């Protein structure tokens, strides 16, 4: 039978650990009494003390365990309490070069959108009331007219995300019927949500046509029966099939659906409002304007991708199907909130002037940044880091690299960039240690690791963030 008693040397060390009441009363913890309840401070101190006990008890018998000093224990407690004081959802600096980084909140909003959200958040607002009549209005009014104006759609509807938009559209138009979709478009989006599952959950039956890489118009035509409810196209925005491929142009697919009195839905996905070659961005397939003009009955897209606005699911298209979708009982469950509407409306207003949109909407600005600006930003950051980092421990240089669009938008596109590469020349810290410390700084800073070096990409930075990165390295 195993002896549960601690070794003699461990037992003596355990007795030397300070009591909990003494730790809690330490001067180093006094400042937390104003912001945190005493019960939480005591609980945190107990957790630190328990970890110290376990470390002593689990030490090898042939080794002498280390007893943490009183100051070390209070420092550990203070560090945890400081983290508890911070909100878990807070701002961060994106130096990854991924323009639409899902983990970092995708689209960075324009100043106009941020101001609109703040104004609506800090008081009451005209969410569902008309100022002129004082009567109840629709929250959709704030964005419907703008979306119709900018895209040429007959009607528009905004929900809380694009997956919800697809789900609601299929539920309203094809429950109990069949939905035809190409096998090459059965995508899985983030969080392991799959288009086939979304369609089946809507009460429709999935009918797959074509092959993974080639689907012809005849494949769709042969699958149409009296049970068909609609034809769905889902642009595979988070992967690409290249090589021996074929797909049906959107206008031809819309015409086939209409010839058979069927609605045609196109999940455009990435949310590009206009063809982005307007801004010099190549490789983007489709836009909301193009899908509407191609004759789609319903077009769905994400507001927080290439549109550069708040997370939302946008539906555009013909008046009758969009209004049917809006009247579905589940539309209430997927309703968009006032803050999302405020940010989306402000962003759409910027698109009335494409040149202003490219300047003021961060997503478009980051996507179109050119080499001279990237070089100036990278050199400025590199100079700041060289000024404070020990040359014996760190090497800092500007190198050619590539950025990504991210957010499941342009999987095949990379953007040439210039990064600041930081290499650790000694065993401590390692590049992983460095990246972790930056992530835990205030504000958190995220770069990317490649070839045992930390890369900081200015494509997704603002000039005001460069001094903050330098200051974080200085604290390290």
Protein backbone atom coordinates (compact mmCIF):
# COMPACT_ATOMS: atom_id res chain seq x y z
CA UNK A 1 0.00 0.00 0.00
CA UNK A 2 1.35 3.39 -1.04
CA UNK A 3 2.35 5.70 1.82
CA UNK A 4 0.27 8.92 1.56
CA UNK A 5 2.43 10.81 4.04
CA UNK A 6 4.70 13.48 2.52
CA UNK A 7 8.49 12.94 2.72
CA UNK A 8 10.05 14.49 5.83
CA UNK A 9 11.75 17.31 3.92
CA UNK A 10 8.43 18.18 2.22
CA UNK A 11 6.52 18.14 5.49
CA UNK A 12 8.88 20.67 7.05
CA UNK A 13 8.58 22.97 4.02
CA UNK A 14 4.79 22.77 4.08
CA UNK A 15 4.81 24.04 7.64
CA UNK A 16 6.86 27.06 6.52
CA UNK A 17 4.26 28.22 4.00
CA UNK A 18 2.51 31.38 5.27
CA UNK A 19 -1.11 31.14 6.45
CA UNK A 20 -3.80 32.41 4.11
CA UNK A 21 -4.80 35.38 6.30
CA UNK A 22 -1.25 36.70 6.24
CA UNK A 23 -1.05 36.52 2.45
CA UNK A 24 -4.37 38.29 2.01
CA UNK A 25 -3.24 41.08 4.34
CA UNK A 26 0.01 41.69 2.39
CA UNK A 27 0.52 45.36 1.42
CA UNK A 28 1.10 44.31 -2.21
CA UNK A 29 -2.55 43.21 -2.42
CA UNK A 30 -4.16 46.24 -0.79
CA UNK A 31 -4.83 47.99 -4.11
CA UNK A 32 -7.13 45.19 -5.26
CA UNK A 33 -9.53 45.71 -2.36
CA UNK A 34 -11.09 48.68 -4.13
CA UNK A 35 -12.04 46.77 -7.29
CA UNK A 36 -12.40 43.10 -6.28
CA UNK A 37 -14.44 41.47 -3.49
CA UNK A 38 -12.48 40.12 -0.54
CA UNK A 39 -13.86 36.62 -1.16
CA UNK A 40 -12.28 36.59 -4.63
CA UNK A 41 -8.93 37.82 -3.28
CA UNK A 42 -9.00 35.08 -0.63
CA UNK A 43 -9.94 32.42 -3.19
CA UNK A 44 -7.11 33.48 -5.49
CA UNK A 45 -4.60 33.45 -2.63
CA UNK A 46 -5.82 29.97 -1.68
CA UNK A 47 -5.32 28.72 -5.24
CA UNK A 48 -1.73 30.02 -5.32
CA UNK A 49 -1.02 28.49 -1.92
CA UNK A 50 -2.48 25.14 -3.01
CA UNK A 51 -0.28 25.14 -6.12
CA UNK A 52 2.79 25.80 -3.98
CA UNK A 53 1.84 22.86 -1.73
CA UNK A 54 1.37 20.54 -4.72
CA UNK A 55 4.72 21.58 -6.18
CA UNK A 56 6.41 20.67 -2.89
CA UNK A 57 4.56 17.36 -2.52
CA UNK A 58 5.20 16.31 -6.13
CA UNK A 59 8.92 17.04 -6.08
CA UNK A 60 11.20 13.99 -6.61
CA UNK A 61 12.37 12.28 -3.41
CA UNK A 62 16.02 12.76 -4.37
CA UNK A 63 15.57 16.51 -4.92
CA UNK A 64 15.10 19.30 -2.43
CA UNK A 65 11.96 21.27 -3.32
CA UNK A 66 12.12 25.04 -3.42
CA UNK A 67 10.04 27.00 -0.96
CA UNK A 68 8.62 30.14 -2.61
CA UNK A 69 9.23 33.27 -0.59
CA UNK A 70 6.42 35.37 0.83
CA UNK A 71 7.07 38.05 -1.79
CA UNK A 72 6.99 35.48 -4.60
CA UNK A 73 3.64 34.18 -3.42
CA UNK A 74 2.11 37.64 -3.17
CA UNK A 75 3.47 38.51 -6.59
CA UNK A 76 1.76 35.43 -8.07
CA UNK A 77 -1.48 36.40 -6.37
CA UNK A 78 -1.19 40.00 -7.58
CA UNK A 79 -0.60 38.88 -11.18
CA UNK A 80 -3.73 36.73 -11.12
CA UNK A 81 -5.80 39.44 -9.51
CA UNK A 82 -4.61 41.90 -12.11
CA UNK A 83 -5.79 39.52 -14.86
CA UNK A 84 -9.14 39.19 -13.11
CA UNK A 85 -9.50 42.97 -13.19
CA UNK A 86 -9.13 43.00 -16.97
CA UNK A 87 -12.12 42.25 -19.23
CA UNK A 88 -11.56 39.09 -21.24
CA UNK A 89 -12.97 40.75 -24.36
CA UNK A 90 -10.70 43.75 -24.93
CA UNK A 91 -8.79 45.47 -27.67
CA UNK A 92 -5.71 43.92 -29.24
CA UNK A 93 -3.04 44.81 -31.79
CA UNK A 94 -3.10 42.70 -34.94
CA UNK A 95 0.44 42.44 -36.30
CA UNK A 96 -0.24 39.07 -37.98
CA UNK A 97 -0.89 40.56 -41.41
CA UNK A 98 -4.18 38.63 -41.59
CA UNK A 99 -6.63 41.36 -42.59
CA UNK A 100 -9.77 39.49 -41.49
CA UNK A 101 -8.45 37.53 -38.51
CA UNK A 102 -11.41 35.58 -37.10
CA UNK A 103 -9.77 35.17 -33.70
CA UNK A 104 -9.17 38.93 -33.51
CA UNK A 105 -12.68 39.94 -34.54
CA UNK A 106 -12.38 40.00 -38.34
CA UNK A 107 -13.07 43.45 -39.83
CA UNK A 108 -11.63 46.43 -38.02
CA UNK A 109 -14.32 49.10 -38.11
CA UNK A 110 -13.99 52.59 -39.50
CA UNK A 111 -13.93 55.59 -37.21
CA UNK A 112 -17.37 56.53 -38.54
CA UNK A 113 -18.76 53.11 -37.58
CA UNK A 114 -17.17 53.25 -34.12
CA UNK A 115 -18.61 56.72 -33.52
CA UNK A 116 -22.08 55.60 -34.64
CA UNK A 117 -21.98 52.56 -32.33
CA UNK A 118 -20.82 54.67 -29.39
CA UNK A 119 -23.58 57.21 -29.92
CA UNK A 120 -26.28 54.54 -30.05
CA UNK A 121 -24.81 52.65 -27.09
CA UNK A 122 -24.58 55.55 -24.66
CA UNK A 123 -28.26 56.48 -24.78
CA UNK A 124 -31.64 55.82 -26.30
CA UNK A 125 -31.88 55.76 -30.08
CA UNK A 126 -34.29 55.63 -33.01
CA UNK A 127 -34.14 51.86 -33.40
CA UNK A 128 -37.78 51.12 -34.16
CA UNK A 129 -39.57 54.45 -34.07
CA UNK A 130 -40.16 57.13 -36.68
CA UNK A 131 -39.16 60.63 -35.62
CA UNK A 132 -41.72 62.34 -37.86
CA UNK A 133 -44.83 60.37 -36.87
CA UNK A 134 -43.74 59.00 -33.50
CA UNK A 135 -45.12 55.63 -34.61
CA UNK A 136 -43.45 52.21 -34.47
CA UNK A 137 -41.05 51.65 -37.34
CA UNK A 138 -38.75 48.86 -38.53
CA UNK A 139 -35.13 48.50 -37.49
CA UNK A 140 -34.41 47.31 -41.02
CA UNK A 141 -35.15 50.81 -42.37
CA UNK A 142 -31.72 52.02 -41.24
CA UNK A 143 -29.91 49.80 -43.77
CA UNK A 144 -32.50 48.63 -46.31
CA UNK A 145 -32.53 51.82 -48.37
CA UNK A 146 -28.75 52.02 -48.42
CA UNK A 147 -28.39 48.39 -49.51
CA UNK A 148 -30.97 48.86 -52.27
CA UNK A 149 -29.26 52.06 -53.39
CA UNK A 150 -25.77 50.57 -53.47
CA UNK A 151 -26.62 47.19 -55.05
CA UNK A 152 -29.73 47.72 -57.16
CA UNK A 153 -31.63 45.06 -55.21
CA UNK A 154 -35.41 45.35 -54.92
CA UNK A 155 -35.34 44.47 -51.23
CA UNK A 156 -32.88 43.81 -48.42
CA UNK A 157 -32.85 42.22 -44.98
CA UNK A 158 -30.12 42.08 -42.33
CA UNK A 159 -29.77 39.29 -39.74
CA UNK A 160 -27.12 38.48 -37.15
CA UNK A 161 -24.79 36.41 -39.38
CA UNK A 162 -24.47 34.85 -42.83
CA UNK A 163 -25.02 31.24 -41.72
CA UNK A 164 -28.28 32.41 -40.15
CA UNK A 165 -29.19 34.18 -43.39
CA UNK A 166 -28.71 30.99 -45.44
CA UNK A 167 -30.58 28.92 -42.86
CA UNK A 168 -33.55 31.31 -42.75
CA UNK A 169 -33.70 31.70 -46.55
CA UNK A 170 -33.82 27.93 -47.11
CA UNK A 171 -36.30 27.49 -44.24
CA UNK A 172 -38.65 30.09 -45.69
CA UNK A 173 -38.43 29.03 -49.32
CA UNK A 174 -37.82 25.26 -49.33
CA UNK A 175 -38.86 23.54 -46.09
CA UNK A 176 -40.11 20.07 -46.93
CA UNK A 177 -38.68 20.27 -50.43
CA UNK A 178 -35.38 19.58 -52.16
CA UNK A 179 -32.43 21.96 -52.45
CA UNK A 180 -30.06 21.38 -55.37
CA UNK A 181 -26.39 22.24 -54.79
CA UNK A 182 -23.10 21.32 -56.45
CA UNK A 183 -20.90 18.77 -54.63
CA UNK A 184 -18.00 21.19 -54.94
CA UNK A 185 -19.88 23.72 -52.80
CA UNK A 186 -20.65 21.60 -49.72
CA UNK A 187 -18.36 23.72 -47.58
CA UNK A 188 -17.57 23.63 -43.89
CA UNK A 189 -17.33 27.06 -42.30
CA UNK A 190 -15.72 27.99 -38.97
CA UNK A 191 -16.60 26.06 -35.83
CA UNK A 192 -17.27 22.84 -37.81
CA UNK A 193 -20.61 24.14 -39.17
CA UNK A 194 -21.35 22.56 -42.54
CA UNK A 195 -23.65 23.74 -45.31
CA UNK A 196 -25.28 20.26 -45.61
CA UNK A 197 -26.13 20.36 -41.90
CA UNK A 198 -27.55 23.88 -42.18
CA UNK A 199 -29.75 22.86 -45.12
CA UNK A 200 -31.03 19.70 -43.41
CA UNK A 201 -31.72 21.62 -40.20
CA UNK A 202 -33.94 23.97 -42.19
CA UNK A 203 -36.24 21.06 -43.01
CA UNK A 204 -35.13 20.74 -46.63
CA UNK A 205 -33.64 17.72 -48.38
CA UNK A 206 -30.20 18.05 -49.92
CA UNK A 207 -29.68 16.98 -53.54
CA UNK A 208 -26.03 16.93 -54.62
CA UNK A 209 -25.16 17.31 -58.29
CA UNK A 210 -21.99 17.16 -60.36
CA UNK A 211 -18.61 16.21 -58.96
CA UNK A 212 -16.20 17.91 -56.57
CA UNK A 213 -14.36 19.69 -59.37
CA UNK A 214 -16.83 19.88 -62.29
CA UNK A 215 -20.54 20.69 -62.32
CA UNK A 216 -22.41 21.49 -65.53
CA UNK A 217 -25.74 23.17 -66.21
CA UNK A 218 -27.12 19.81 -67.32
CA UNK A 219 -26.35 18.36 -63.86
CA UNK A 220 -28.68 20.90 -62.29
CA UNK A 221 -31.34 20.48 -64.99
CA UNK A 222 -31.40 16.69 -64.64
CA UNK A 223 -31.93 16.97 -60.87
CA UNK A 224 -35.03 19.18 -61.08
CA UNK A 225 -38.26 17.37 -60.19
CA UNK A 226 -41.66 18.31 -58.81
CA UNK A 227 -40.08 18.03 -55.33
CA UNK A 228 -37.45 20.71 -56.00
CA UNK A 229 -37.76 23.79 -53.81
CA UNK A 230 -34.81 25.90 -54.96
CA UNK A 231 -31.30 25.92 -56.44
CA UNK A 232 -28.50 27.04 -54.15
CA UNK A 233 -25.03 28.22 -55.05
CA UNK A 234 -22.53 28.50 -52.21
CA UNK A 235 -19.24 30.13 -53.11
CA UNK A 236 -16.41 28.16 -51.44
CA UNK A 237 -14.78 31.20 -49.88
CA UNK A 238 -12.46 29.35 -47.46
CA UNK A 239 -10.83 26.94 -49.94
CA UNK A 240 -10.08 26.74 -53.65
CA UNK A 241 -10.32 23.97 -56.21
CA UNK A 242 -7.84 24.45 -59.05
CA UNK A 243 -6.91 22.53 -62.16
CA UNK A 244 -9.52 20.53 -64.12
CA UNK A 245 -12.59 22.46 -62.97
CA UNK A 246 -15.89 23.70 -64.31
CA UNK A 247 -18.80 25.63 -62.85
CA UNK A 248 -21.93 27.21 -64.24
CA UNK A 249 -21.95 31.02 -64.58
CA UNK A 250 -24.40 32.64 -62.20
CA UNK A 251 -26.67 34.19 -64.90
CA UNK A 252 -27.14 30.76 -66.55
CA UNK A 253 -27.98 29.11 -63.24
CA UNK A 254 -30.46 31.87 -62.39
CA UNK A 255 -32.10 31.49 -65.81
CA UNK A 256 -32.43 27.72 -65.34
CA UNK A 257 -34.12 28.21 -61.98
CA UNK A 258 -36.52 30.81 -63.36
CA UNK A 259 -37.37 28.70 -66.42
CA UNK A 260 -38.53 26.06 -63.93
CA UNK A 261 -40.33 28.57 -61.66
CA UNK A 262 -37.78 28.01 -58.89
CA UNK A 263 -36.03 30.55 -56.66
CA UNK A 264 -32.26 30.79 -56.97
CA UNK A 265 -30.14 31.63 -53.91
CA UNK A 266 -26.47 32.58 -54.16
CA UNK A 267 -24.44 32.59 -50.95
CA UNK A 268 -21.85 35.10 -52.10
CA UNK A 269 -20.20 34.83 -48.69
CA UNK A 270 -17.28 37.23 -48.68
CA UNK A 271 -19.40 40.38 -48.68
CA UNK A 272 -17.59 42.37 -51.37
CA UNK A 273 -20.06 45.15 -52.19
CA UNK A 274 -18.54 46.15 -55.54
CA UNK A 275 -16.10 44.29 -57.80
CA UNK A 276 -12.92 44.92 -55.82
CA UNK A 277 -10.80 45.51 -58.90
CA UNK A 278 -12.33 48.99 -58.50
CA UNK A 279 -9.84 49.32 -55.63
CA UNK A 280 -7.03 47.47 -57.40
CA UNK A 281 -7.74 44.20 -55.55
CA UNK A 282 -7.59 41.21 -57.89
CA UNK A 283 -8.59 37.60 -57.24
CA UNK A 284 -11.99 38.38 -55.68
CA UNK A 285 -14.69 36.28 -57.28
CA UNK A 286 -18.05 37.99 -57.43
CA UNK A 287 -19.67 40.87 -55.59
CA UNK A 288 -23.09 41.75 -54.24
CA UNK A 289 -23.73 44.11 -57.17
CA UNK A 290 -22.80 41.42 -59.72
CA UNK A 291 -24.95 38.75 -58.03
CA UNK A 292 -27.99 41.03 -57.94
CA UNK A 293 -27.57 42.04 -61.58
CA UNK A 294 -27.16 38.37 -62.57
CA UNK A 295 -30.78 37.72 -61.58
CA UNK A 296 -30.40 36.00 -58.22
CA UNK A 297 -33.62 35.93 -56.23
CA UNK A 298 -31.71 36.00 -52.94
CA UNK A 299 -28.05 36.84 -52.30
CA UNK A 300 -26.50 36.25 -48.87
CA UNK A 301 -23.22 37.61 -47.54
CA UNK A 302 -21.29 38.47 -44.38
CA UNK A 303 -21.07 42.08 -43.28
CA UNK A 304 -17.83 41.58 -41.36
CA UNK A 305 -15.74 40.24 -44.21
CA UNK A 306 -14.75 42.18 -47.32
CA UNK A 307 -17.52 44.72 -46.74
CA UNK A 308 -15.56 45.78 -43.64
CA UNK A 309 -18.53 46.31 -41.33
CA UNK A 310 -20.03 44.68 -38.23
CA UNK A 311 -20.84 40.96 -38.04
CA UNK A 312 -24.14 40.46 -39.83
CA UNK A 313 -25.91 38.37 -42.42
CA UNK A 314 -27.04 40.40 -45.41
CA UNK A 315 -29.83 39.23 -47.72
CA UNK A 316 -30.47 41.04 -50.99
CA UNK A 317 -32.62 40.31 -53.98
CA UNK A 318 -36.13 40.35 -55.30
CA UNK A 319 -38.96 41.79 -53.29
CA UNK A 320 -41.27 38.76 -52.95
CA UNK A 321 -38.75 36.14 -51.67
CA UNK A 322 -36.99 38.59 -49.34
CA UNK A 323 -40.30 39.60 -47.79
CA UNK A 324 -41.28 35.94 -47.37
CA UNK A 325 -38.02 35.36 -45.53
CA UNK A 326 -38.57 38.43 -43.35
CA UNK A 327 -42.01 37.12 -42.29
CA UNK A 328 -40.69 33.70 -41.23
CA UNK A 329 -41.09 33.14 -37.46
CA UNK A 330 -37.37 32.48 -37.06
CA UNK A 331 -36.52 35.93 -38.40
CA UNK A 332 -37.14 37.26 -34.91
CA UNK A 333 -34.66 34.78 -33.41
CA UNK A 334 -31.98 35.94 -35.86
CA UNK A 335 -32.76 39.64 -35.47
CA UNK A 336 -29.85 42.06 -35.58
CA UNK A 337 -29.21 44.43 -32.66
CA UNK A 338 -28.97 48.24 -32.66
CA UNK A 339 -25.17 48.37 -32.31
CA UNK A 340 -24.67 46.14 -35.34
CA UNK A 341 -27.10 48.24 -37.35
CA UNK A 342 -25.34 51.46 -36.35
CA UNK A 343 -21.95 50.16 -37.48
CA UNK A 344 -23.32 48.69 -40.69
CA UNK A 345 -25.24 51.84 -41.63
CA UNK A 346 -22.18 54.05 -41.07
CA UNK A 347 -20.03 51.73 -43.20
CA UNK A 348 -22.56 51.59 -46.04
CA UNK A 349 -22.73 55.40 -46.08
CA UNK A 350 -18.99 55.51 -46.73
CA UNK A 351 -19.47 53.34 -49.84
CA UNK A 352 -21.45 56.14 -51.50
CA UNK A 353 -18.01 57.60 -52.26
CA UNK A 354 -15.70 54.70 -53.26
CA UNK A 355 -12.55 56.79 -52.82
CA UNK A 356 -13.58 57.72 -49.31
CA UNK A 357 -14.47 54.09 -48.60
CA UNK A 358 -10.98 52.94 -49.57
CA UNK A 359 -9.44 55.53 -47.27
CA UNK A 360 -11.77 55.26 -44.30
CA UNK A 361 -12.69 51.55 -44.17
CA UNK A 362 -9.72 49.70 -42.60
CA UNK A 363 -10.39 46.43 -44.44
CA UNK A 364 -10.12 48.12 -47.84
CA UNK A 365 -7.18 50.25 -46.71
CA UNK A 366 -5.24 47.23 -45.47
CA UNK A 367 -5.98 45.19 -48.60
CA UNK A 368 -4.71 47.97 -50.86
CA UNK A 369 -1.61 49.08 -48.93
CA UNK A 370 1.33 49.41 -51.26
CA UNK A 371 5.03 48.66 -50.81
CA UNK A 372 6.24 52.23 -50.06
CA UNK A 373 3.85 52.64 -47.11
CA UNK A 374 4.54 49.12 -45.82
CA UNK A 375 8.29 49.76 -46.01
CA UNK A 376 8.04 53.04 -44.10
CA UNK A 377 5.99 51.41 -41.35
CA UNK A 378 8.25 48.37 -41.12
CA UNK A 379 11.40 50.50 -40.96
CA UNK A 380 9.87 52.72 -38.27
CA UNK A 381 9.01 49.69 -36.13
CA UNK A 382 12.42 48.10 -36.73
CA UNK A 383 14.25 51.27 -35.68
CA UNK A 384 12.24 51.46 -32.48
CA UNK A 385 12.99 47.84 -31.60
CA UNK A 386 16.72 48.09 -32.40
CA UNK A 387 16.93 51.11 -30.11
CA UNK A 388 15.74 49.18 -27.05
CA UNK A 389 16.65 45.52 -27.64
CA UNK A 390 20.00 44.02 -26.66
CA UNK A 391 21.84 43.18 -29.89
CA UNK A 392 23.49 40.24 -28.16
CA UNK A 393 20.08 38.67 -27.52
CA UNK A 394 17.86 39.80 -30.40
CA UNK A 395 18.27 40.36 -34.14
CA UNK A 396 15.84 42.74 -35.84
CA UNK A 397 15.53 43.05 -39.61
CA UNK A 398 13.00 44.00 -42.28
CA UNK A 399 12.21 41.12 -44.65
CA UNK A 400 9.92 40.44 -47.60
CA UNK A 401 6.92 38.32 -46.68
CA UNK A 402 3.28 37.79 -47.60
CA UNK A 403 0.05 38.73 -45.85
CA UNK A 404 -3.28 36.92 -45.95
CA UNK A 405 -6.82 38.17 -46.38
CA UNK A 406 -8.24 35.63 -43.91
CA UNK A 407 -11.77 35.34 -42.56
CA UNK A 408 -12.67 32.64 -45.11
CA UNK A 409 -12.67 35.23 -47.90
CA UNK A 410 -9.83 34.74 -50.41
CA UNK A 411 -8.12 31.41 -49.70
CA UNK A 412 -5.87 31.52 -52.75
CA UNK A 413 -4.70 35.10 -52.42
CA UNK A 414 -1.57 36.33 -50.68
CA UNK A 415 -0.50 39.95 -50.52
CA UNK A 416 3.18 40.93 -50.77
CA UNK A 417 4.35 42.74 -47.65
CA UNK A 418 7.38 43.70 -45.60
CA UNK A 419 7.64 42.37 -42.05
CA UNK A 420 9.83 43.11 -39.07
CA UNK A 421 11.50 39.82 -38.15
CA UNK A 422 12.69 39.40 -34.56
CA UNK A 423 15.01 36.45 -33.84
CA UNK A 424 16.08 35.36 -30.37
CA UNK A 425 19.86 34.77 -30.31
CA UNK A 426 19.99 33.07 -26.90
CA UNK A 427 18.14 30.19 -25.29
CA UNK A 428 16.07 32.55 -23.18
CA UNK A 429 13.68 33.88 -24.17
CA UNK A 430 12.64 31.57 -26.98
CA UNK A 431 10.50 32.92 -29.80
CA UNK A 432 7.49 31.19 -28.24
CA UNK A 433 8.24 32.89 -24.92
CA UNK A 434 8.45 36.22 -26.71
CA UNK A 435 5.16 35.72 -28.57
CA UNK A 436 3.37 34.63 -25.38
CA UNK A 437 4.64 37.64 -23.43
CA UNK A 438 3.43 39.99 -26.16
CA UNK A 439 0.02 38.31 -26.19
CA UNK A 440 -0.24 38.91 -22.44
CA UNK A 441 0.83 42.55 -22.61
CA UNK A 442 -1.54 45.50 -22.37
CA UNK A 443 -2.83 45.76 -25.01
CA UNK A 444 -2.27 42.18 -26.25
CA UNK A 445 -0.07 42.03 -29.35
CA UNK A 446 -0.31 39.22 -31.89
CA UNK A 447 2.33 38.47 -34.50
CA UNK A 448 3.08 35.22 -36.28
CA UNK A 449 5.92 32.73 -35.90
CA UNK A 450 7.78 31.43 -38.92
CA UNK A 451 11.13 29.67 -39.14
CA UNK A 452 11.81 30.19 -35.43
CA UNK A 453 11.34 33.95 -35.66
CA UNK A 454 8.57 36.38 -34.75
CA UNK A 455 7.11 38.32 -37.68
CA UNK A 456 5.33 41.64 -37.16
CA UNK A 457 3.40 42.66 -40.28
CA UNK A 458 2.54 46.37 -40.71
CA UNK A 459 -0.23 45.62 -43.22
CA UNK A 460 -2.76 45.31 -40.39
CA UNK A 461 -1.32 48.03 -38.14
CA UNK A 462 -2.09 51.68 -37.61
CA UNK A 463 0.77 54.16 -37.17
CA UNK A 464 -0.37 54.83 -33.60
CA UNK A 465 0.16 51.16 -32.72
CA UNK A 466 3.87 51.09 -33.57
CA UNK A 467 4.93 52.94 -30.36
CA UNK A 468 2.74 50.56 -28.34
CA UNK A 469 4.58 47.55 -29.77
CA UNK A 470 7.95 49.14 -29.03
CA UNK A 471 6.81 49.90 -25.45
CA UNK A 472 5.74 46.28 -24.96
CA UNK A 473 9.18 45.04 -26.05
CA UNK A 474 10.79 47.56 -23.69
CA UNK A 475 8.82 46.10 -20.76
CA UNK A 476 10.02 42.63 -21.75
